[in-house]
Amino acid sequence: MDALQEILIPAIIFSTIYGIFHLFIRRSERLTMMEKGLDTSIFYAQNPKPFYSGLKFGMLFIGVGVGILLANILINVTVIEEEVAYPAMIFLFAGIALVLNFVIDKKEKSDK
């Protein structure tokens, strides 16, 4: 657990500092463009596309859950080792869930 803290604490500190600087720099760039009278419409999306993040994460977590369940079944029924079964099934079903999400998004875009 100590090794994880040694990695996570500096990463969180760095990402927080980076995020704050990024916000201030982006704000100053926009203010400079407005002062010079340049077109600021590039900052706003013309046609915002629907964003199904809830669907994506829901399908991903369902895939992970199914992967864990099937890995547990594989361990109990077959001679596959635990260290192999869990990551293999989790990645397999999480990937399948994300591919299905892509197909659903593509179908939604083609219907419009």
Protein backbone atom coordinates (compact mmCIF):
# COMPACT_ATOMS: atom_id res chain seq x y z
CA MET A 1 0.00 0.00 0.00
CA ASP A 2 2.92 2.35 0.66
CA ALA A 3 4.18 1.95 -2.90
CA LEU A 4 0.77 2.92 -4.23
CA GLN A 5 0.70 6.05 -2.07
CA GLU A 6 4.18 7.00 -3.27
CA ILE A 7 2.85 7.00 -6.82
CA LEU A 8 -0.64 8.40 -6.32
CA ILE A 9 0.14 11.41 -4.13
CA PRO A 10 2.64 13.06 -6.54
CA ALA A 11 0.38 12.20 -9.49
CA ILE A 12 -2.62 13.88 -7.85
CA ILE A 13 -0.58 16.93 -6.88
CA PHE A 14 0.87 17.25 -10.39
CA SER A 15 -2.51 16.86 -12.10
CA THR A 16 -4.09 19.45 -9.81
CA ILE A 17 -1.36 22.00 -10.51
CA TYR A 18 -1.52 21.26 -14.24
CA GLY A 19 -5.29 21.66 -14.27
CA ILE A 20 -5.15 25.03 -12.52
CA PHE A 21 -2.48 26.36 -14.89
CA HIS A 22 -4.39 25.03 -17.90
CA LEU A 23 -7.57 26.84 -16.83
CA PHE A 24 -5.76 30.15 -16.29
CA ILE A 25 -3.88 29.94 -19.60
CA ARG A 26 -7.03 29.06 -21.55
CA ARG A 27 -8.88 31.94 -19.89
CA SER A 28 -6.13 34.41 -20.71
CA GLU A 29 -6.04 33.22 -24.34
CA ARG A 30 -9.78 33.79 -24.69
CA LEU A 31 -9.60 37.22 -23.09
CA THR A 32 -6.73 38.20 -25.42
CA MET A 33 -8.72 37.08 -28.46
CA MET A 34 -11.76 39.06 -27.29
CA GLU A 35 -9.66 42.18 -26.69
CA LYS A 36 -8.20 41.95 -30.21
CA GLY A 37 -11.67 41.51 -31.68
CA LEU A 38 -11.02 38.05 -33.12
CA ASP A 39 -13.74 35.47 -33.69
CA THR A 40 -14.30 33.46 -30.52
CA SER A 41 -16.84 31.06 -32.02
CA ILE A 42 -14.13 28.39 -32.28
CA PHE A 43 -14.55 27.81 -28.56
CA TYR A 44 -18.17 26.74 -28.95
CA ALA A 45 -19.41 23.66 -30.79
CA GLN A 46 -21.58 24.42 -33.81
CA ASN A 47 -23.59 21.19 -33.71
CA PRO A 48 -23.11 19.49 -30.37
CA LYS A 49 -23.28 15.74 -30.80
CA PRO A 50 -25.12 13.64 -28.26
CA PHE A 51 -22.74 12.21 -25.70
CA TYR A 52 -23.76 8.93 -24.15
CA SER A 53 -21.18 8.68 -21.39
CA GLY A 54 -23.68 7.02 -19.06
CA LEU A 55 -24.33 4.31 -21.62
CA LYS A 56 -20.62 3.82 -22.24
CA PHE A 57 -19.68 3.50 -18.58
CA GLY A 58 -22.74 1.39 -17.82
CA MET A 59 -21.89 -1.07 -20.56
CA LEU A 60 -18.25 -1.09 -19.50
CA PHE A 61 -19.10 -1.90 -15.88
CA ILE A 62 -21.59 -4.56 -16.95
CA GLY A 63 -18.84 -6.10 -19.09
CA VAL A 64 -16.41 -6.04 -16.17
CA GLY A 65 -19.03 -7.62 -13.89
CA VAL A 66 -19.80 -10.38 -16.38
CA GLY A 67 -16.07 -10.94 -16.82
CA ILE A 68 -15.54 -11.37 -13.08
CA LEU A 69 -18.53 -13.70 -12.82
CA LEU A 70 -17.40 -15.90 -15.71
CA ALA A 71 -13.82 -15.92 -14.47
CA ASN A 72 -15.04 -17.22 -11.12
CA ILE A 73 -17.07 -19.92 -12.88
CA LEU A 74 -14.05 -20.88 -15.02
CA ILE A 75 -11.83 -21.17 -11.96
CA ASN A 76 -14.29 -23.45 -10.18
CA VAL A 77 -15.16 -25.63 -13.18
CA THR A 78 -11.87 -25.89 -15.08
CA VAL A 79 -8.19 -25.99 -14.21
CA ILE A 80 -7.49 -22.44 -15.42
CA GLU A 81 -5.42 -20.51 -12.89
CA GLU A 82 -6.92 -17.56 -11.06
CA GLU A 83 -4.16 -15.17 -12.19
CA VAL A 84 -5.03 -15.87 -15.82
CA ALA A 85 -8.80 -16.16 -15.69
CA TYR A 86 -9.70 -12.86 -13.99
CA PRO A 87 -7.73 -10.42 -16.20
CA ALA A 88 -8.57 -12.35 -19.37
CA MET A 89 -12.31 -12.38 -18.75
CA ILE A 90 -12.44 -8.81 -17.46
CA PHE A 91 -10.59 -7.41 -20.49
CA LEU A 92 -12.51 -9.62 -22.91
CA PHE A 93 -15.96 -8.63 -21.74
CA ALA A 94 -15.06 -4.99 -21.12
CA GLY A 95 -13.79 -4.83 -24.70
CA ILE A 96 -16.93 -6.49 -26.02
CA ALA A 97 -19.04 -3.96 -24.08
CA LEU A 98 -17.11 -1.02 -25.55
CA VAL A 99 -17.42 -2.43 -29.08
CA LEU A 100 -21.18 -2.83 -28.58
CA ASN A 101 -21.34 0.75 -27.33
CA PHE A 102 -19.54 1.91 -30.48
CA VAL A 103 -22.04 0.03 -32.64
CA ILE A 104 -24.97 1.60 -30.77
CA ASP A 105 -23.47 5.10 -31.11
CA LYS A 106 -22.83 4.57 -34.80
CA LYS A 107 -26.40 3.38 -35.32
CA GLU A 108 -27.76 6.44 -33.46
CA LYS A 109 -25.69 8.78 -35.63
CA SER A 110 -26.79 7.13 -38.86
CA ASP A 111 -30.46 7.35 -37.87
CA LYS A 112 -30.24 11.15 -37.57
